[in-house]
Amino acid sequence: MPYDYAYRRRTTTITDPAPDSLRRPFTLAGAIISWNHATRELTVLNRALVLIPYLATVGLKTGREVIVAGYHDASTGRSVVTRLHLD
């Protein structure tokens, strides 16, 4: 029986580098202090954050009020934003 590559692609999921046991969730609301589009780094309430690659960034600018949610990855020390709401 030949190997079904199409089935393999449909059933394979992308795994995150950090297991759930190393993640601490967070939610922040406040004004954007700084935003770097090239590195996708955002600062809210003096906390440095990095946005996941597929999160839309249209409308982000310094001074804009946002609500962000995500997780702190203990293995890398980074706070990763997975959800973003513009006020």
N, C-alpha and C. Protein backbone atom coordinates (compact mmCIF):
# COMPACT_ATOMS: atom_id res chain seq x y z
N MET A 1 0.85 -1.18 0.00
CA MET A 1 0.00 0.00 0.00
C MET A 1 0.89 1.25 0.00
N PRO A 2 0.67 2.17 -0.95
CA PRO A 2 1.51 3.37 -1.03
C PRO A 2 1.22 4.32 0.13
N TYR A 3 2.23 5.09 0.51
CA TYR A 3 2.10 6.06 1.61
C TYR A 3 1.28 7.24 1.12
N ASP A 4 0.30 7.65 1.89
CA ASP A 4 -0.60 8.74 1.52
C ASP A 4 -0.07 10.07 2.07
N TYR A 5 0.72 10.79 1.26
CA TYR A 5 1.30 12.06 1.69
C TYR A 5 0.23 13.13 1.92
N ALA A 6 -0.82 13.13 1.11
CA ALA A 6 -1.89 14.11 1.28
C ALA A 6 -2.58 13.91 2.63
N TYR A 7 -2.82 12.65 3.02
CA TYR A 7 -3.42 12.39 4.32
C TYR A 7 -2.49 12.86 5.43
N ARG A 8 -1.22 12.63 5.29
CA ARG A 8 -0.23 13.05 6.30
C ARG A 8 -0.27 14.57 6.47
N ARG A 9 -0.35 15.31 5.37
CA ARG A 9 -0.40 16.78 5.45
C ARG A 9 -1.67 17.24 6.14
N ARG A 10 -2.80 16.58 5.86
CA ARG A 10 -4.08 16.98 6.45
C ARG A 10 -4.14 16.70 7.94
N THR A 11 -3.44 15.70 8.41
CA THR A 11 -3.56 15.31 9.81
C THR A 11 -2.40 15.78 10.68
N THR A 12 -1.38 16.37 10.07
CA THR A 12 -0.23 16.85 10.83
C THR A 12 -0.52 18.24 11.36
N THR A 13 -0.28 18.45 12.62
CA THR A 13 -0.47 19.78 13.20
C THR A 13 0.89 20.37 13.54
N ILE A 14 0.93 21.69 13.56
CA ILE A 14 2.16 22.38 13.93
C ILE A 14 2.26 22.35 15.45
N THR A 15 3.38 21.92 15.95
CA THR A 15 3.56 21.86 17.40
C THR A 15 4.27 23.11 17.88
N ASP A 16 3.87 23.59 19.04
CA ASP A 16 4.53 24.72 19.66
C ASP A 16 5.80 24.26 20.34
N PRO A 17 6.82 25.11 20.37
CA PRO A 17 8.07 24.70 21.00
C PRO A 17 7.96 24.56 22.52
N ALA A 18 7.02 25.26 23.12
CA ALA A 18 6.91 25.22 24.58
C ALA A 18 5.70 24.40 25.00
N PRO A 19 5.89 23.41 25.83
CA PRO A 19 4.74 22.65 26.33
C PRO A 19 3.89 23.52 27.25
N ASP A 20 2.63 23.15 27.41
CA ASP A 20 1.71 23.93 28.22
C ASP A 20 2.19 24.13 29.66
N SER A 21 2.98 23.21 30.17
CA SER A 21 3.45 23.32 31.54
C SER A 21 4.42 24.48 31.73
N LEU A 22 4.99 25.00 30.64
CA LEU A 22 5.92 26.12 30.72
C LEU A 22 5.27 27.46 30.39
N ARG A 23 3.96 27.48 30.18
CA ARG A 23 3.25 28.71 29.80
C ARG A 23 2.41 29.25 30.95
N ARG A 24 2.48 30.56 31.13
CA ARG A 24 1.61 31.24 32.09
C ARG A 24 0.79 32.26 31.32
N PRO A 25 -0.54 32.14 31.31
CA PRO A 25 -1.36 33.07 30.55
C PRO A 25 -1.36 34.47 31.18
N PHE A 26 -1.61 35.47 30.34
CA PHE A 26 -1.73 36.85 30.82
C PHE A 26 -2.73 37.60 29.95
N THR A 27 -3.27 38.67 30.51
CA THR A 27 -4.11 39.63 29.80
C THR A 27 -3.71 41.01 30.28
N LEU A 28 -3.52 41.94 29.35
CA LEU A 28 -3.16 43.31 29.68
C LEU A 28 -4.05 44.27 28.92
N ALA A 29 -4.37 45.40 29.53
CA ALA A 29 -5.12 46.46 28.87
C ALA A 29 -4.40 47.76 29.16
N GLY A 30 -4.14 48.53 28.12
CA GLY A 30 -3.47 49.81 28.30
C GLY A 30 -3.05 50.41 26.97
N ALA A 31 -2.33 51.52 27.06
CA ALA A 31 -1.87 52.23 25.86
C ALA A 31 -0.57 51.61 25.36
N ILE A 32 -0.40 51.65 24.06
CA ILE A 32 0.83 51.18 23.45
C ILE A 32 1.92 52.21 23.70
N ILE A 33 3.00 51.79 24.33
CA ILE A 33 4.13 52.68 24.59
C ILE A 33 5.07 52.70 23.39
N SER A 34 5.30 51.52 22.80
CA SER A 34 6.11 51.45 21.58
C SER A 34 5.65 50.27 20.73
N TRP A 35 5.87 50.40 19.42
CA TRP A 35 5.50 49.35 18.48
C TRP A 35 6.55 49.30 17.37
N ASN A 36 7.15 48.13 17.15
CA ASN A 36 8.14 47.93 16.10
C ASN A 36 7.58 46.90 15.12
N HIS A 37 7.17 47.38 13.96
CA HIS A 37 6.55 46.51 12.97
C HIS A 37 7.53 45.46 12.44
N ALA A 38 8.80 45.82 12.30
CA ALA A 38 9.80 44.90 11.74
C ALA A 38 10.04 43.69 12.64
N THR A 39 10.08 43.91 13.94
CA THR A 39 10.35 42.81 14.88
C THR A 39 9.08 42.28 15.54
N ARG A 40 7.94 42.96 15.29
CA ARG A 40 6.63 42.62 15.87
C ARG A 40 6.68 42.69 17.40
N GLU A 41 7.48 43.61 17.92
CA GLU A 41 7.58 43.81 19.37
C GLU A 41 6.72 45.00 19.77
N LEU A 42 5.97 44.79 20.82
CA LEU A 42 4.99 45.75 21.32
C LEU A 42 5.25 45.96 22.81
N THR A 43 5.14 47.21 23.27
CA THR A 43 5.27 47.48 24.70
C THR A 43 3.97 48.07 25.20
N VAL A 44 3.38 47.41 26.19
CA VAL A 44 2.15 47.87 26.83
C VAL A 44 2.37 47.79 28.34
N LEU A 45 2.07 48.87 29.04
CA LEU A 45 2.26 48.93 30.49
C LEU A 45 3.69 48.55 30.89
N ASN A 46 4.66 49.05 30.13
CA ASN A 46 6.08 48.78 30.37
C ASN A 46 6.44 47.29 30.30
N ARG A 47 5.65 46.53 29.59
CA ARG A 47 5.91 45.10 29.44
C ARG A 47 6.20 44.81 27.97
N ALA A 48 7.37 44.24 27.69
CA ALA A 48 7.75 43.91 26.32
C ALA A 48 7.03 42.64 25.88
N LEU A 49 6.41 42.71 24.71
CA LEU A 49 5.62 41.60 24.18
C LEU A 49 6.03 41.35 22.74
N VAL A 50 5.84 40.13 22.27
CA VAL A 50 6.06 39.81 20.87
C VAL A 50 4.78 39.20 20.31
N LEU A 51 4.37 39.66 19.12
CA LEU A 51 3.14 39.16 18.50
C LEU A 51 3.44 37.94 17.65
N ILE A 52 2.53 36.94 17.69
CA ILE A 52 2.68 35.76 16.84
C ILE A 52 2.58 36.20 15.38
N PRO A 53 3.21 35.48 14.46
CA PRO A 53 3.31 35.92 13.06
C PRO A 53 1.98 36.16 12.34
N TYR A 54 0.96 35.38 12.61
CA TYR A 54 -0.28 35.52 11.85
C TYR A 54 -1.28 36.48 12.46
N LEU A 55 -0.92 37.18 13.52
CA LEU A 55 -1.81 38.15 14.15
C LEU A 55 -1.77 39.46 13.38
N ALA A 56 -2.93 39.96 12.96
CA ALA A 56 -3.01 41.21 12.19
C ALA A 56 -2.54 42.39 13.04
N THR A 57 -1.81 43.31 12.42
CA THR A 57 -1.26 44.46 13.14
C THR A 57 -1.76 45.79 12.60
N VAL A 58 -2.75 45.76 11.73
CA VAL A 58 -3.29 46.99 11.15
C VAL A 58 -3.87 47.87 12.27
N GLY A 59 -3.49 49.12 12.29
CA GLY A 59 -4.01 50.06 13.27
C GLY A 59 -3.18 50.21 14.53
N LEU A 60 -2.12 49.43 14.67
CA LEU A 60 -1.27 49.57 15.85
C LEU A 60 -0.41 50.82 15.72
N LYS A 61 -0.40 51.64 16.76
CA LYS A 61 0.45 52.82 16.80
C LYS A 61 0.60 53.27 18.24
N THR A 62 1.64 54.00 18.51
CA THR A 62 1.92 54.49 19.85
C THR A 62 0.75 55.32 20.37
N GLY A 63 0.36 55.06 21.61
CA GLY A 63 -0.73 55.79 22.24
C GLY A 63 -2.09 55.14 22.11
N ARG A 64 -2.23 54.19 21.19
CA ARG A 64 -3.53 53.52 21.00
C ARG A 64 -3.80 52.56 22.14
N GLU A 65 -5.03 52.54 22.62
CA GLU A 65 -5.45 51.62 23.69
C GLU A 65 -5.69 50.23 23.11
N VAL A 66 -5.16 49.22 23.79
CA VAL A 66 -5.32 47.84 23.34
C VAL A 66 -5.59 46.92 24.52
N ILE A 67 -6.14 45.79 24.20
CA ILE A 67 -6.24 44.67 25.15
C ILE A 67 -5.52 43.52 24.48
N VAL A 68 -4.53 42.96 25.17
CA VAL A 68 -3.77 41.84 24.61
C VAL A 68 -3.85 40.65 25.56
N ALA A 69 -3.79 39.47 24.99
CA ALA A 69 -3.79 38.24 25.78
C ALA A 69 -2.80 37.29 25.14
N GLY A 70 -2.24 36.43 25.96
CA GLY A 70 -1.28 35.46 25.45
C GLY A 70 -0.69 34.66 26.59
N TYR A 71 0.58 34.34 26.44
CA TYR A 71 1.23 33.53 27.47
C TYR A 71 2.68 33.96 27.63
N HIS A 72 3.20 33.75 28.81
CA HIS A 72 4.61 33.97 29.10
C HIS A 72 5.30 32.62 28.98
N ASP A 73 6.25 32.53 28.07
CA ASP A 73 6.97 31.29 27.83
C ASP A 73 8.19 31.24 28.74
N ALA A 74 8.13 30.41 29.77
CA ALA A 74 9.21 30.32 30.75
C ALA A 74 10.50 29.79 30.14
N SER A 75 10.41 29.01 29.07
CA SER A 75 11.62 28.45 28.47
C SER A 75 12.44 29.51 27.72
N THR A 76 11.78 30.57 27.22
CA THR A 76 12.48 31.63 26.50
C THR A 76 12.47 32.96 27.25
N GLY A 77 11.56 33.09 28.22
CA GLY A 77 11.43 34.34 28.95
C GLY A 77 10.64 35.40 28.21
N ARG A 78 10.01 35.04 27.10
CA ARG A 78 9.25 36.02 26.30
C ARG A 78 7.77 35.96 26.60
N SER A 79 7.12 37.11 26.49
CA SER A 79 5.66 37.18 26.59
C SER A 79 5.12 37.24 25.17
N VAL A 80 4.31 36.27 24.80
CA VAL A 80 3.83 36.09 23.44
C VAL A 80 2.36 36.45 23.37
N VAL A 81 2.01 37.39 22.49
CA VAL A 81 0.62 37.83 22.31
C VAL A 81 -0.04 36.94 21.26
N THR A 82 -1.17 36.33 21.64
CA THR A 82 -1.93 35.50 20.71
C THR A 82 -3.28 36.11 20.35
N ARG A 83 -3.71 37.11 21.12
CA ARG A 83 -4.98 37.81 20.85
C ARG A 83 -4.78 39.30 21.06
N LEU A 84 -5.42 40.08 20.21
CA LEU A 84 -5.25 41.52 20.26
C LEU A 84 -6.58 42.20 19.94
N HIS A 85 -6.96 43.15 20.78
CA HIS A 85 -8.20 43.92 20.56
C HIS A 85 -7.86 45.39 20.64
N LEU A 86 -8.23 46.16 19.61
CA LEU A 86 -8.00 47.60 19.61
C LEU A 86 -9.22 48.31 20.17
N ASP A 87 -8.99 49.22 21.11
CA ASP A 87 -10.11 50.03 21.65
C ASP A 87 -10.23 51.32 20.89
